Amino acid sequence: MAKFASNDVLDGSLLVVRSATRMVAVSGQPGSFAAAVAGRLTEAAMTTADFALAAGDISGRKIGVAARSGLAVIAAGTADHVALIDDAGSRLLYVTTCPAQALAAGGTVSIAGWSVEVGAPA
């Protein structure tokens, strides 16, 4: 028997990701909203305009996250994860890895664009 999920179903979870109000780079995978905020090395405010829904690269759907450049480094450390957080709901929404980069306080850093993909049912 074949499986099917409407794009509306797949987009539903991606719209939660799009509710992020901040993107933070951290050292290590944060396990909570509080850990992501406390461990942030740099941050960028996010709006729904920073996200774009589209067809998935492999299957299903994806949401693209806009690149950010010239972000001020808040604290020194090695950024190896990027997290999307929702300040209003104190929610850690999504965490992914990024190429490890040593950051010096007072410097600047850029975060390349990336995406979250939800595959079609198999």
PDB file of N, CA and C in Angstrom:
ATOM      1  N   MET A   1       0.849  -1.179   0.000  1.00  0.00           N
ATOM      2  CA  MET A   1       0.000   0.000   0.000  1.00  0.00           C
ATOM      3  C   MET A   1       0.894   1.241   0.000  1.00  0.00           C
ATOM      4  N   ALA A   2       0.602   2.187  -0.863  1.00  0.00           N
ATOM      5  CA  ALA A   2       1.375   3.424  -0.972  1.00  0.00           C
ATOM      6  C   ALA A   2       1.103   4.335   0.221  1.00  0.00           C
ATOM      7  N   LYS A   3       2.064   5.189   0.512  1.00  0.00           N
ATOM      8  CA  LYS A   3       1.922   6.178   1.588  1.00  0.00           C
ATOM      9  C   LYS A   3       1.930   7.565   0.962  1.00  0.00           C
ATOM     10  N   PHE A   4       1.240   8.505   1.602  1.00  0.00           N
ATOM     11  CA  PHE A   4       1.129   9.850   1.072  1.00  0.00           C
ATOM     12  C   PHE A   4       0.978  10.835   2.214  1.00  0.00           C
ATOM     13  N   ALA A   5       1.580  12.004   2.072  1.00  0.00           N
ATOM     14  CA  ALA A   5       1.346  13.122   2.985  1.00  0.00           C
ATOM     15  C   ALA A   5       1.240  14.382   2.136  1.00  0.00           C
ATOM     16  N   SER A   6       0.208  15.126   2.349  1.00  0.00           N
ATOM     17  CA  SER A   6      -0.002  16.392   1.656  1.00  0.00           C
ATOM     18  C   SER A   6       1.135  17.362   1.987  1.00  0.00           C
ATOM     19  N   ASN A   7       1.430  18.255   1.054  1.00  0.00           N
ATOM     20  CA  ASN A   7       2.416  19.307   1.343  1.00  0.00           C
ATOM     21  C   ASN A   7       1.993  20.121   2.560  1.00  0.00           C
ATOM     22  N   ASP A   8       0.680  20.259   2.791  1.00  0.00           N
ATOM     23  CA  ASP A   8       0.204  20.988   3.968  1.00  0.00           C
ATOM     24  C   ASP A   8       0.668  20.317   5.254  1.00  0.00           C
ATOM     25  N   VAL A   9       0.678  19.001   5.271  1.00  0.00           N
ATOM     26  CA  VAL A   9       1.131  18.253   6.443  1.00  0.00           C
ATOM     27  C   VAL A   9       2.641  18.451   6.639  1.00  0.00           C
ATOM     28  N   LEU A  10       3.406  18.299   5.560  1.00  0.00           N
ATOM     29  CA  LEU A  10       4.854  18.456   5.647  1.00  0.00           C
ATOM     30  C   LEU A  10       5.232  19.895   6.003  1.00  0.00           C
ATOM     31  N   ASP A  11       4.522  20.855   5.404  1.00  0.00           N
ATOM     32  CA  ASP A  11       4.809  22.261   5.692  1.00  0.00           C
ATOM     33  C   ASP A  11       4.487  22.629   7.133  1.00  0.00           C
ATOM     34  N   GLY A  12       3.550  21.913   7.748  1.00  0.00           N
ATOM     35  CA  GLY A  12       3.162  22.231   9.119  1.00  0.00           C
ATOM     36  C   GLY A  12       4.340  22.251  10.076  1.00  0.00           C
ATOM     37  N   SER A  13       5.186  21.243  10.019  1.00  0.00           N
ATOM     38  CA  SER A  13       6.344  21.216  10.920  1.00  0.00           C
ATOM     39  C   SER A  13       7.362  22.295  10.535  1.00  0.00           C
ATOM     40  N   LEU A  14       7.463  22.569   9.253  1.00  0.00           N
ATOM     41  CA  LEU A  14       8.416  23.599   8.808  1.00  0.00           C
ATOM     42  C   LEU A  14       7.953  25.000   9.204  1.00  0.00           C
ATOM     43  N   LEU A  15       6.646  25.193   9.297  1.00  0.00           N
ATOM     44  CA  LEU A  15       6.143  26.491   9.740  1.00  0.00           C
ATOM     45  C   LEU A  15       6.466  26.738  11.210  1.00  0.00           C
ATOM     46  N   VAL A  16       6.587  25.675  11.998  1.00  0.00           N
ATOM     47  CA  VAL A  16       7.036  25.829  13.385  1.00  0.00           C
ATOM     48  C   VAL A  16       8.480  26.328  13.386  1.00  0.00           C
ATOM     49  N   VAL A  17       9.315  25.760  12.528  1.00  0.00           N
ATOM     50  CA  VAL A  17      10.705  26.218  12.412  1.00  0.00           C
ATOM     51  C   VAL A  17      10.722  27.693  12.038  1.00  0.00           C
ATOM     52  N   ARG A  18       9.832  28.091  11.133  1.00  0.00           N
ATOM     53  CA  ARG A  18       9.789  29.487  10.671  1.00  0.00           C
ATOM     54  C   ARG A  18       9.372  30.457  11.773  1.00  0.00           C
ATOM     55  N   SER A  19       8.858  29.963  12.881  1.00  0.00           N
ATOM     56  CA  SER A  19       8.484  30.849  13.985  1.00  0.00           C
ATOM     57  C   SER A  19       9.686  31.259  14.837  1.00  0.00           C
ATOM     58  N   ALA A  20      10.874  30.799  14.479  1.00  0.00           N
ATOM     59  CA  ALA A  20      12.085  31.172  15.220  1.00  0.00           C
ATOM     60  C   ALA A  20      12.283  32.685  15.195  1.00  0.00           C
ATOM     61  N   THR A  21      12.678  33.227  16.331  1.00  0.00           N
ATOM     62  CA  THR A  21      12.944  34.658  16.422  1.00  0.00           C
ATOM     63  C   THR A  21      14.429  34.978  16.486  1.00  0.00           C
ATOM     64  N   ARG A  22      15.242  33.923  16.678  1.00  0.00           N
ATOM     65  CA  ARG A  22      16.691  34.132  16.758  1.00  0.00           C
ATOM     66  C   ARG A  22      17.422  32.889  16.291  1.00  0.00           C
ATOM     67  N   MET A  23      18.547  33.097  15.612  1.00  0.00           N
ATOM     68  CA  MET A  23      19.468  32.022  15.255  1.00  0.00           C
ATOM     69  C   MET A  23      20.737  32.280  16.050  1.00  0.00           C
ATOM     70  N   VAL A  24      21.236  31.245  16.732  1.00  0.00           N
ATOM     71  CA  VAL A  24      22.451  31.389  17.531  1.00  0.00           C
ATOM     72  C   VAL A  24      23.462  30.327  17.126  1.00  0.00           C
ATOM     73  N   ALA A  25      24.724  30.686  17.167  1.00  0.00           N
ATOM     74  CA  ALA A  25      25.804  29.721  16.971  1.00  0.00           C
ATOM     75  C   ALA A  25      26.363  29.399  18.348  1.00  0.00           C
ATOM     76  N   VAL A  26      26.580  28.119  18.605  1.00  0.00           N
ATOM     77  CA  VAL A  26      27.023  27.663  19.917  1.00  0.00           C
ATOM     78  C   VAL A  26      28.126  26.619  19.774  1.00  0.00           C
ATOM     79  N   SER A  27      28.793  26.352  20.881  1.00  0.00           N
ATOM     80  CA  SER A  27      29.793  25.302  20.945  1.00  0.00           C
ATOM     81  C   SER A  27      29.134  24.092  21.596  1.00  0.00           C
ATOM     82  N   GLY A  28      28.954  23.035  20.848  1.00  0.00           N
ATOM     83  CA  GLY A  28      28.267  21.848  21.363  1.00  0.00           C
ATOM     84  C   GLY A  28      26.780  21.951  21.160  1.00  0.00           C
ATOM     85  N   GLN A  29      26.113  20.812  21.185  1.00  0.00           N
ATOM     86  CA  GLN A  29      24.678  20.770  20.957  1.00  0.00           C
ATOM     87  C   GLN A  29      23.925  21.183  22.212  1.00  0.00           C
ATOM     88  N   PRO A  30      23.155  22.274  22.154  1.00  0.00           N
ATOM     89  CA  PRO A  30      22.380  22.661  23.330  1.00  0.00           C
ATOM     90  C   PRO A  30      21.196  21.718  23.512  1.00  0.00           C
ATOM     91  N   GLY A  31      20.879  21.420  24.746  1.00  0.00           N
ATOM     92  CA  GLY A  31      19.777  20.514  25.032  1.00  0.00           C
ATOM     93  C   GLY A  31      18.495  21.218  25.421  1.00  0.00           C
ATOM     94  N   SER A  32      18.551  22.541  25.511  1.00  0.00           N
ATOM     95  CA  SER A  32      17.366  23.299  25.917  1.00  0.00           C
ATOM     96  C   SER A  32      17.476  24.729  25.411  1.00  0.00           C
ATOM     97  N   PHE A  33      16.371  25.434  25.489  1.00  0.00           N
ATOM     98  CA  PHE A  33      16.355  26.856  25.143  1.00  0.00           C
ATOM     99  C   PHE A  33      17.371  27.613  25.996  1.00  0.00           C
ATOM    100  N   ALA A  34      17.331  27.364  27.317  1.00  0.00           N
ATOM    101  CA  ALA A  34      18.231  28.067  28.232  1.00  0.00           C
ATOM    102  C   ALA A  34      19.693  27.807  27.890  1.00  0.00           C
ATOM    103  N   ALA A  35      20.027  26.580  27.524  1.00  0.00           N
ATOM    104  CA  ALA A  35      21.412  26.247  27.164  1.00  0.00           C
ATOM    105  C   ALA A  35      21.831  26.951  25.878  1.00  0.00           C
ATOM    106  N   ALA A  36      20.919  27.058  24.921  1.00  0.00           N
ATOM    107  CA  ALA A  36      21.237  27.746  23.663  1.00  0.00           C
ATOM    108  C   ALA A  36      21.486  29.224  23.912  1.00  0.00           C
ATOM    109  N   VAL A  37      20.665  29.842  24.737  1.00  0.00           N
ATOM    110  CA  VAL A  37      20.825  31.267  25.033  1.00  0.00           C
ATOM    111  C   VAL A  37      22.110  31.505  25.833  1.00  0.00           C
ATOM    112  N   ALA A  38      22.337  30.695  26.859  1.00  0.00           N
ATOM    113  CA  ALA A  38      23.515  30.876  27.711  1.00  0.00           C
ATOM    114  C   ALA A  38      24.812  30.610  26.952  1.00  0.00           C
ATOM    115  N   GLY A  39      24.782  29.685  25.987  1.00  0.00           N
ATOM    116  CA  GLY A  39      25.998  29.301  25.282  1.00  0.00           C
ATOM    117  C   GLY A  39      26.224  30.006  23.964  1.00  0.00           C
ATOM    118  N   ARG A  40      25.410  30.981  23.632  1.00  0.00           N
ATOM    119  CA  ARG A  40      25.520  31.613  22.316  1.00  0.00           C
ATOM    120  C   ARG A  40      26.838  32.359  22.164  1.00  0.00           C
ATOM    121  N   LEU A  41      27.454  32.135  21.024  1.00  0.00           N
ATOM    122  CA  LEU A  41      28.691  32.827  20.678  1.00  0.00           C
ATOM    123  C   LEU A  41      28.410  34.011  19.761  1.00  0.00           C
ATOM    124  N   THR A  42      27.358  33.885  18.971  1.00  0.00           N
ATOM    125  CA  THR A  42      26.858  34.962  18.122  1.00  0.00           C
ATOM    126  C   THR A  42      25.377  34.722  17.923  1.00  0.00           C
ATOM    127  N   GLU A  43      24.675  35.744  17.466  1.00  0.00           N
ATOM    128  CA  GLU A  43      23.237  35.604  17.265  1.00  0.00           C
ATOM    129  C   GLU A  43      22.763  36.541  16.176  1.00  0.00           C
ATOM    130  N   ALA A  44      21.616  36.183  15.599  1.00  0.00           N
ATOM    131  CA  ALA A  44      20.971  37.024  14.595  1.00  0.00           C
ATOM    132  C   ALA A  44      19.468  36.966  14.825  1.00  0.00           C
ATOM    133  N   ALA A  45      18.834  38.122  14.810  1.00  0.00           N
ATOM    134  CA  ALA A  45      17.376  38.169  14.886  1.00  0.00           C
ATOM    135  C   ALA A  45      16.813  37.581  13.600  1.00  0.00           C
ATOM    136  N   MET A  46      15.683  36.882  13.719  1.00  0.00           N
ATOM    137  CA  MET A  46      15.061  36.248  12.564  1.00  0.00           C
ATOM    138  C   MET A  46      13.612  36.700  12.453  1.00  0.00           C
ATOM    139  N   THR A  47      13.140  36.805  11.200  1.00  0.00           N
ATOM    140  CA  THR A  47      11.731  37.064  10.916  1.00  0.00           C
ATOM    141  C   THR A  47      11.282  36.024   9.895  1.00  0.00           C
ATOM    142  N   THR A  48       9.992  35.965   9.636  1.00  0.00           N
ATOM    143  CA  THR A  48       9.504  34.995   8.660  1.00  0.00           C
ATOM    144  C   THR A  48      10.104  35.236   7.279  1.00  0.00           C
ATOM    145  N   ALA A  49      10.544  36.461   6.995  1.00  0.00           N
ATOM    146  CA  ALA A  49      11.169  36.762   5.699  1.00  0.00           C
ATOM    147  C   ALA A  49      12.512  36.052   5.529  1.00  0.00           C
ATOM    148  N   ASP A  50      13.105  35.564   6.612  1.00  0.00           N
ATOM    149  CA  ASP A  50      14.391  34.861   6.555  1.00  0.00           C
ATOM    150  C   ASP A  50      14.235  33.384   6.210  1.00  0.00           C
ATOM    151  N   PHE A  51      13.014  32.945   5.959  1.00  0.00           N
ATOM    152  CA  PHE A  51      12.732  31.542   5.669  1.00  0.00           C
ATOM    153  C   PHE A  51      11.955  31.424   4.359  1.00  0.00           C
ATOM    154  N   ALA A  52      12.241  30.372   3.587  1.00  0.00           N
ATOM    155  CA  ALA A  52      11.543  30.156   2.319  1.00  0.00           C
ATOM    156  C   ALA A  52      11.151  28.689   2.171  1.00  0.00           C
ATOM    157  N   LEU A  53       9.863  28.435   2.061  1.00  0.00           N
ATOM    158  CA  LEU A  53       9.366  27.077   1.829  1.00  0.00           C
ATOM    159  C   LEU A  53       9.557  26.696   0.364  1.00  0.00           C
ATOM    160  N   ALA A  54       9.905  25.438   0.127  1.00  0.00           N
ATOM    161  CA  ALA A  54      10.120  24.965  -1.246  1.00  0.00           C
ATOM    162  C   ALA A  54      10.002  23.450  -1.277  1.00  0.00           C
ATOM    163  N   ALA A  55      10.032  22.900  -2.481  1.00  0.00           N
ATOM    164  CA  ALA A  55      10.094  21.449  -2.646  1.00  0.00           C
ATOM    165  C   ALA A  55      11.419  20.952  -2.077  1.00  0.00           C
ATOM    166  N   GLY A  56      11.416  19.759  -1.487  1.00  0.00           N
ATOM    167  CA  GLY A  56      12.638  19.187  -0.939  1.00  0.00           C
ATOM    168  C   GLY A  56      13.631  18.808  -2.025  1.00  0.00           C
ATOM    169  N   ASP A  57      14.895  18.750  -1.676  1.00  0.00           N
ATOM    170  CA  ASP A  57      15.938  18.347  -2.630  1.00  0.00           C
ATOM    171  C   ASP A  57      15.836  16.869  -2.966  1.00  0.00           C
ATOM    172  N   ILE A  58      15.441  16.068  -1.976  1.00  0.00           N
ATOM    173  CA  ILE A  58      15.346  14.619  -2.164  1.00  0.00           C
ATOM    174  C   ILE A  58      13.890  14.214  -2.329  1.00  0.00           C
ATOM    175  N   SER A  59      13.047  14.650  -1.426  1.00  0.00           N
ATOM    176  CA  SER A  59      11.613  14.406  -1.497  1.00  0.00           C
ATOM    177  C   SER A  59      10.951  15.349  -0.511  1.00  0.00           C
ATOM    178  N   GLY A  60       9.640  15.364  -0.486  1.00  0.00           N
ATOM    179  CA  GLY A  60       8.933  16.153   0.514  1.00  0.00           C
ATOM    180  C   GLY A  60       9.101  17.644   0.341  1.00  0.00           C
ATOM    181  N   ARG A  61       9.347  18.329   1.447  1.00  0.00           N
ATOM    182  CA  ARG A  61       9.430  19.789   1.470  1.00  0.00           C
ATOM    183  C   ARG A  61      10.636  20.229   2.277  1.00  0.00           C
ATOM    184  N   LYS A  62      11.045  21.480   2.089  1.00  0.00           N
ATOM    185  CA  LYS A  62      12.144  22.041   2.878  1.00  0.00           C
ATOM    186  C   LYS A  62      11.862  23.504   3.152  1.00  0.00           C
ATOM    187  N   ILE A  63      12.564  24.020   4.143  1.00  0.00           N
ATOM    188  CA  ILE A  63      12.535  25.445   4.421  1.00  0.00           C
ATOM    189  C   ILE A  63      13.972  25.933   4.427  1.00  0.00           C
ATOM    190  N   GLY A  64      14.244  26.922   3.590  1.00  0.00           N
ATOM    191  CA  GLY A  64      15.580  27.506   3.529  1.00  0.00           C
ATOM    192  C   GLY A  64      15.721  28.575   4.590  1.00  0.00           C
ATOM    193  N   VAL A  65      16.897  28.624   5.202  1.00  0.00           N
ATOM    194  CA  VAL A  65      17.218  29.617   6.226  1.00  0.00           C
ATOM    195  C   VAL A  65      18.255  30.557   5.616  1.00  0.00           C
ATOM    196  N   ALA A  66      17.973  31.841   5.647  1.00  0.00           N
ATOM    197  CA  ALA A  66      18.834  32.835   5.008  1.00  0.00           C
ATOM    198  C   ALA A  66      20.215  32.907   5.648  1.00  0.00           C
ATOM    199  N   ALA A  67      21.219  33.136   4.819  1.00  0.00           N
ATOM    200  CA  ALA A  67      22.582  33.371   5.299  1.00  0.00           C
ATOM    201  C   ALA A  67      22.624  34.699   6.041  1.00  0.00           C
ATOM    202  N   ARG A  68      23.546  34.808   6.972  1.00  0.00           N
ATOM    203  CA  ARG A  68      23.743  36.055   7.718  1.00  0.00           C
ATOM    204  C   ARG A  68      25.227  36.362   7.722  1.00  0.00           C
ATOM    205  N   SER A  69      25.569  37.616   7.542  1.00  0.00           N
ATOM    206  CA  SER A  69      26.986  37.993   7.523  1.00  0.00           C
ATOM    207  C   SER A  69      27.230  39.165   8.460  1.00  0.00           C
ATOM    208  N   GLY A  70      28.481  39.295   8.865  1.00  0.00           N
ATOM    209  CA  GLY A  70      28.879  40.396   9.727  1.00  0.00           C
ATOM    210  C   GLY A  70      28.283  40.352  11.118  1.00  0.00           C
ATOM    211  N   LEU A  71      28.020  39.145  11.628  1.00  0.00           N
ATOM    212  CA  LEU A  71      27.449  39.015  12.966  1.00  0.00           C
ATOM    213  C   LEU A  71      28.521  39.250  14.025  1.00  0.00           C
ATOM    214  N   ALA A  72      28.210  40.031  15.018  1.00  0.00           N
ATOM    215  CA  ALA A  72      29.148  40.303  16.108  1.00  0.00           C
ATOM    216  C   ALA A  72      29.323  39.053  16.966  1.00  0.00           C
ATOM    217  N   VAL A  73      30.561  38.743  17.297  1.00  0.00           N
ATOM    218  CA  VAL A  73      30.857  37.615  18.180  1.00  0.00           C
ATOM    219  C   VAL A  73      30.707  38.101  19.616  1.00  0.00           C
ATOM    220  N   ILE A  74      29.811  37.463  20.354  1.00  0.00           N
ATOM    221  CA  ILE A  74      29.503  37.838  21.732  1.00  0.00           C
ATOM    222  C   ILE A  74      30.523  37.255  22.703  1.00  0.00           C
ATOM    223  N   ALA A  75      30.926  36.006  22.459  1.00  0.00           N
ATOM    224  CA  ALA A  75      31.848  35.308  23.352  1.00  0.00           C
ATOM    225  C   ALA A  75      32.786  34.433  22.527  1.00  0.00           C
ATOM    226  N   ALA A  76      33.993  34.253  23.024  1.00  0.00           N
ATOM    227  CA  ALA A  76      34.970  33.402  22.338  1.00  0.00           C
ATOM    228  C   ALA A  76      34.605  31.941  22.503  1.00  0.00           C
ATOM    229  N   GLY A  77      34.917  31.152  21.493  1.00  0.00           N
ATOM    230  CA  GLY A  77      34.658  29.718  21.534  1.00  0.00           C
ATOM    231  C   GLY A  77      34.668  29.149  20.139  1.00  0.00           C
ATOM    232  N   THR A  78      34.452  27.857  20.040  1.00  0.00           N
ATOM    233  CA  THR A  78      34.396  27.202  18.736  1.00  0.00           C
ATOM    234  C   THR A  78      32.944  26.893  18.398  1.00  0.00           C
ATOM    235  N   ALA A  79      32.422  27.603  17.405  1.00  0.00           N
ATOM    236  CA  ALA A  79      31.044  27.380  16.962  1.00  0.00           C
ATOM    237  C   ALA A  79      31.005  26.112  16.122  1.00  0.00           C
ATOM    238  N   ASP A  80      30.187  25.151  16.525  1.00  0.00           N
ATOM    239  CA  ASP A  80      30.033  23.922  15.747  1.00  0.00           C
ATOM    240  C   ASP A  80      28.570  23.500  15.600  1.00  0.00           C
ATOM    241  N   HIS A  81      27.669  24.293  16.166  1.00  0.00           N
ATOM    242  CA  HIS A  81      26.230  24.057  16.025  1.00  0.00           C
ATOM    243  C   HIS A  81      25.517  25.393  15.821  1.00  0.00           C
ATOM    244  N   VAL A  82      24.410  25.339  15.104  1.00  0.00           N
ATOM    245  CA  VAL A  82      23.541  26.494  14.926  1.00  0.00           C
ATOM    246  C   VAL A  82      22.159  26.080  15.399  1.00  0.00           C
ATOM    247  N   ALA A  83      21.529  26.953  16.183  1.00  0.00           N
ATOM    248  CA  ALA A  83      20.211  26.651  16.728  1.00  0.00           C
ATOM    249  C   ALA A  83      19.227  27.757  16.377  1.00  0.00           C
ATOM    250  N   LEU A  84      17.995  27.357  16.120  1.00  0.00           N
ATOM    251  CA  LEU A  84      16.895  28.301  15.936  1.00  0.00           C
ATOM    252  C   LEU A  84      16.056  28.258  17.199  1.00  0.00           C
ATOM    253  N   ILE A  85      15.800  29.443  17.762  1.00  0.00           N
ATOM    254  CA  ILE A  85      15.049  29.515  19.006  1.00  0.00           C
ATOM    255  C   ILE A  85      13.878  30.478  18.874  1.00  0.00           C
ATOM    256  N   ASP A  86      12.891  30.254  19.711  1.00  0.00           N
ATOM    257  CA  ASP A  86      11.706  31.104  19.791  1.00  0.00           C
ATOM    258  C   ASP A  86      11.713  31.752  21.160  1.00  0.00           C
ATOM    259  N   ASP A  87      12.042  33.049  21.193  1.00  0.00           N
ATOM    260  CA  ASP A  87      12.143  33.748  22.473  1.00  0.00           C
ATOM    261  C   ASP A  87      10.803  33.853  23.191  1.00  0.00           C
ATOM    262  N   ALA A  88       9.725  34.140  22.461  1.00  0.00           N
ATOM    263  CA  ALA A  88       8.418  34.320  23.093  1.00  0.00           C
ATOM    264  C   ALA A  88       7.961  33.053  23.822  1.00  0.00           C
ATOM    265  N   GLY A  89       8.229  31.906  23.229  1.00  0.00           N
ATOM    266  CA  GLY A  89       7.812  30.646  23.840  1.00  0.00           C
ATOM    267  C   GLY A  89       8.909  29.938  24.596  1.00  0.00           C
ATOM    268  N   SER A  90      10.091  30.552  24.677  1.00  0.00           N
ATOM    269  CA  SER A  90      11.258  29.925  25.323  1.00  0.00           C
ATOM    270  C   SER A  90      11.466  28.508  24.803  1.00  0.00           C
ATOM    271  N   ARG A  91      11.461  28.374  23.456  1.00  0.00           N
ATOM    272  CA  ARG A  91      11.567  27.057  22.828  1.00  0.00           C
ATOM    273  C   ARG A  91      12.839  26.941  22.000  1.00  0.00           C
ATOM    274  N   LEU A  92      13.491  25.819  22.136  1.00  0.00           N
ATOM    275  CA  LEU A  92      14.576  25.427  21.247  1.00  0.00           C
ATOM    276  C   LEU A  92      13.904  24.661  20.119  1.00  0.00           C
ATOM    277  N   LEU A  93      13.921  25.239  18.904  1.00  0.00           N
ATOM    278  CA  LEU A  93      13.147  24.669  17.807  1.00  0.00           C
ATOM    279  C   LEU A  93      13.926  23.705  16.940  1.00  0.00           C
ATOM    280  N   TYR A  94      15.180  24.015  16.651  1.00  0.00           N
ATOM    281  CA  TYR A  94      15.943  23.181  15.720  1.00  0.00           C
ATOM    282  C   TYR A  94      17.425  23.417  15.946  1.00  0.00           C
ATOM    283  N   VAL A  95      18.208  22.352  15.896  1.00  0.00           N
ATOM    284  CA  VAL A  95      19.661  22.434  16.042  1.00  0.00           C
ATOM    285  C   VAL A  95      20.294  21.630  14.922  1.00  0.00           C
ATOM    286  N   THR A  96      21.338  22.173  14.329  1.00  0.00           N
ATOM    287  CA  THR A  96      22.096  21.459  13.310  1.00  0.00           C
ATOM    288  C   THR A  96      23.586  21.724  13.526  1.00  0.00           C
ATOM    289  N   THR A  97      24.398  20.922  12.898  1.00  0.00           N
ATOM    290  CA  THR A  97      25.842  21.142  12.978  1.00  0.00           C
ATOM    291  C   THR A  97      26.268  22.136  11.907  1.00  0.00           C
ATOM    292  N   CYS A  98      27.434  22.709  12.106  1.00  0.00           N
ATOM    293  CA  CYS A  98      28.048  23.587  11.115  1.00  0.00           C
ATOM    294  C   CYS A  98      29.549  23.323  11.160  1.00  0.00           C
ATOM    295  N   PRO A  99      30.280  23.711  10.117  1.00  0.00           N
ATOM    296  CA  PRO A  99      31.737  23.535  10.163  1.00  0.00           C
ATOM    297  C   PRO A  99      32.309  24.268  11.380  1.00  0.00           C
ATOM    298  N   ALA A 100      33.114  23.581  12.172  1.00  0.00           N
ATOM    299  CA  ALA A 100      33.686  24.186  13.384  1.00  0.00           C
ATOM    300  C   ALA A 100      34.546  25.385  13.018  1.00  0.00           C
ATOM    301  N   GLN A 101      34.311  26.478  13.745  1.00  0.00           N
ATOM    302  CA  GLN A 101      35.073  27.699  13.506  1.00  0.00           C
ATOM    303  C   GLN A 101      35.373  28.366  14.839  1.00  0.00           C
ATOM    304  N   ALA A 102      36.658  28.642  15.082  1.00  0.00           N
ATOM    305  CA  ALA A 102      37.053  29.345  16.300  1.00  0.00           C
ATOM    306  C   ALA A 102      36.666  30.811  16.162  1.00  0.00           C
ATOM    307  N   LEU A 103      35.993  31.337  17.182  1.00  0.00           N
ATOM    308  CA  LEU A 103      35.541  32.725  17.171  1.00  0.00           C
ATOM    309  C   LEU A 103      36.206  33.496  18.297  1.00  0.00           C
ATOM    310  N   ALA A 104      36.586  34.721  18.009  1.00  0.00           N
ATOM    311  CA  ALA A 104      37.188  35.599  19.010  1.00  0.00           C
ATOM    312  C   ALA A 104      36.191  36.686  19.369  1.00  0.00           C
ATOM    313  N   ALA A 105      36.002  36.920  20.661  1.00  0.00           N
ATOM    314  CA  ALA A 105      35.078  37.957  21.121  1.00  0.00           C
ATOM    315  C   ALA A 105      35.464  39.292  20.495  1.00  0.00           C
ATOM    316  N   GLY A 106      34.460  40.014  20.046  1.00  0.00           N
ATOM    317  CA  GLY A 106      34.696  41.309  19.422  1.00  0.00           C
ATOM    318  C   GLY A 106      34.851  41.234  17.913  1.00  0.00           C
ATOM    319  N   GLY A 107      35.019  40.031  17.382  1.00  0.00           N
ATOM    320  CA  GLY A 107      35.144  39.856  15.939  1.00  0.00           C
ATOM    321  C   GLY A 107      33.778  39.725  15.288  1.00  0.00           C
ATOM    322  N   THR A 108      33.787  39.336  14.038  1.00  0.00           N
ATOM    323  CA  THR A 108      32.538  39.083  13.321  1.00  0.00           C
ATOM    324  C   THR A 108      32.605  37.717  12.657  1.00  0.00           C
ATOM    325  N   VAL A 109      31.437  37.196  12.311  1.00  0.00           N
ATOM    326  CA  VAL A 109      31.348  35.882  11.686  1.00  0.00           C
ATOM    327  C   VAL A 109      30.146  35.867  10.742  1.00  0.00           C
ATOM    328  N   SER A 110      30.180  34.995   9.779  1.00  0.00           N
ATOM    329  CA  SER A 110      29.063  34.796   8.868  1.00  0.00           C
ATOM    330  C   SER A 110      28.548  33.367   9.014  1.00  0.00           C
ATOM    331  N   ILE A 111      27.248  33.204   8.825  1.00  0.00           N
ATOM    332  CA  ILE A 111      26.626  31.883   8.832  1.00  0.00           C
ATOM    333  C   ILE A 111      26.017  31.688   7.451  1.00  0.00           C
ATOM    334  N   ALA A 112      26.437  30.640   6.772  1.00  0.00           N
ATOM    335  CA  ALA A 112      25.932  30.351   5.430  1.00  0.00           C
ATOM    336  C   ALA A 112      24.463  29.944   5.493  1.00  0.00           C
ATOM    337  N   GLY A 113      23.764  30.118   4.383  1.00  0.00           N
ATOM    338  CA  GLY A 113      22.390  29.657   4.290  1.00  0.00           C
ATOM    339  C   GLY A 113      22.325  28.146   4.402  1.00  0.00           C
ATOM    340  N   TRP A 114      21.239  27.618   4.913  1.00  0.00           N
ATOM    341  CA  TRP A 114      21.072  26.184   5.091  1.00  0.00           C
ATOM    342  C   TRP A 114      19.573  25.879   5.052  1.00  0.00           C
ATOM    343  N   SER A 115      19.231  24.610   5.096  1.00  0.00           N
ATOM    344  CA  SER A 115      17.818  24.252   5.028  1.00  0.00           C
ATOM    345  C   SER A 115      17.499  23.070   5.925  1.00  0.00           C
ATOM    346  N   VAL A 116      16.209  22.963   6.231  1.00  0.00           N
ATOM    347  CA  VAL A 116      15.655  21.845   6.978  1.00  0.00           C
ATOM    348  C   VAL A 116      14.715  21.145   6.022  1.00  0.00           C
ATOM    349  N   GLU A 117      14.893  19.840   5.829  1.00  0.00           N
ATOM    350  CA  GLU A 117      14.061  19.098   4.886  1.00  0.00           C
ATOM    351  C   GLU A 117      13.260  18.024   5.598  1.00  0.00           C
ATOM    352  N   VAL A 118      11.976  17.940   5.247  1.00  0.00           N
ATOM    353  CA  VAL A 118      11.086  16.902   5.760  1.00  0.00           C
ATOM    354  C   VAL A 118      10.762  16.001   4.563  1.00  0.00           C
ATOM    355  N   GLY A 119      11.174  14.750   4.642  1.00  0.00           N
ATOM    356  CA  GLY A 119      10.971  13.826   3.530  1.00  0.00           C
ATOM    357  C   GLY A 119       9.541  13.338   3.415  1.00  0.00           C
ATOM    358  N   ALA A 120       9.172  12.988   2.211  1.00  0.00           N
ATOM    359  CA  ALA A 120       7.862  12.380   1.978  1.00  0.00           C
ATOM    360  C   ALA A 120       7.844  10.985   2.608  1.00  0.00           C
ATOM    361  N   PRO A 121       6.683  10.500   3.011  1.00  0.00           N
ATOM    362  CA  PRO A 121       6.616   9.153   3.592  1.00  0.00           C
ATOM    363  C   PRO A 121       7.127   8.103   2.607  1.00  0.00           C
ATOM    364  N   ALA A 122       7.859   7.159   3.123  1.00  0.00           N
ATOM    365  CA  ALA A 122       8.415   6.104   2.256  1.00  0.00           C
ATOM    366  C   ALA A 122       7.725   4.788   2.533  1.00  0.00           C
TER     367      ALA A 122
END
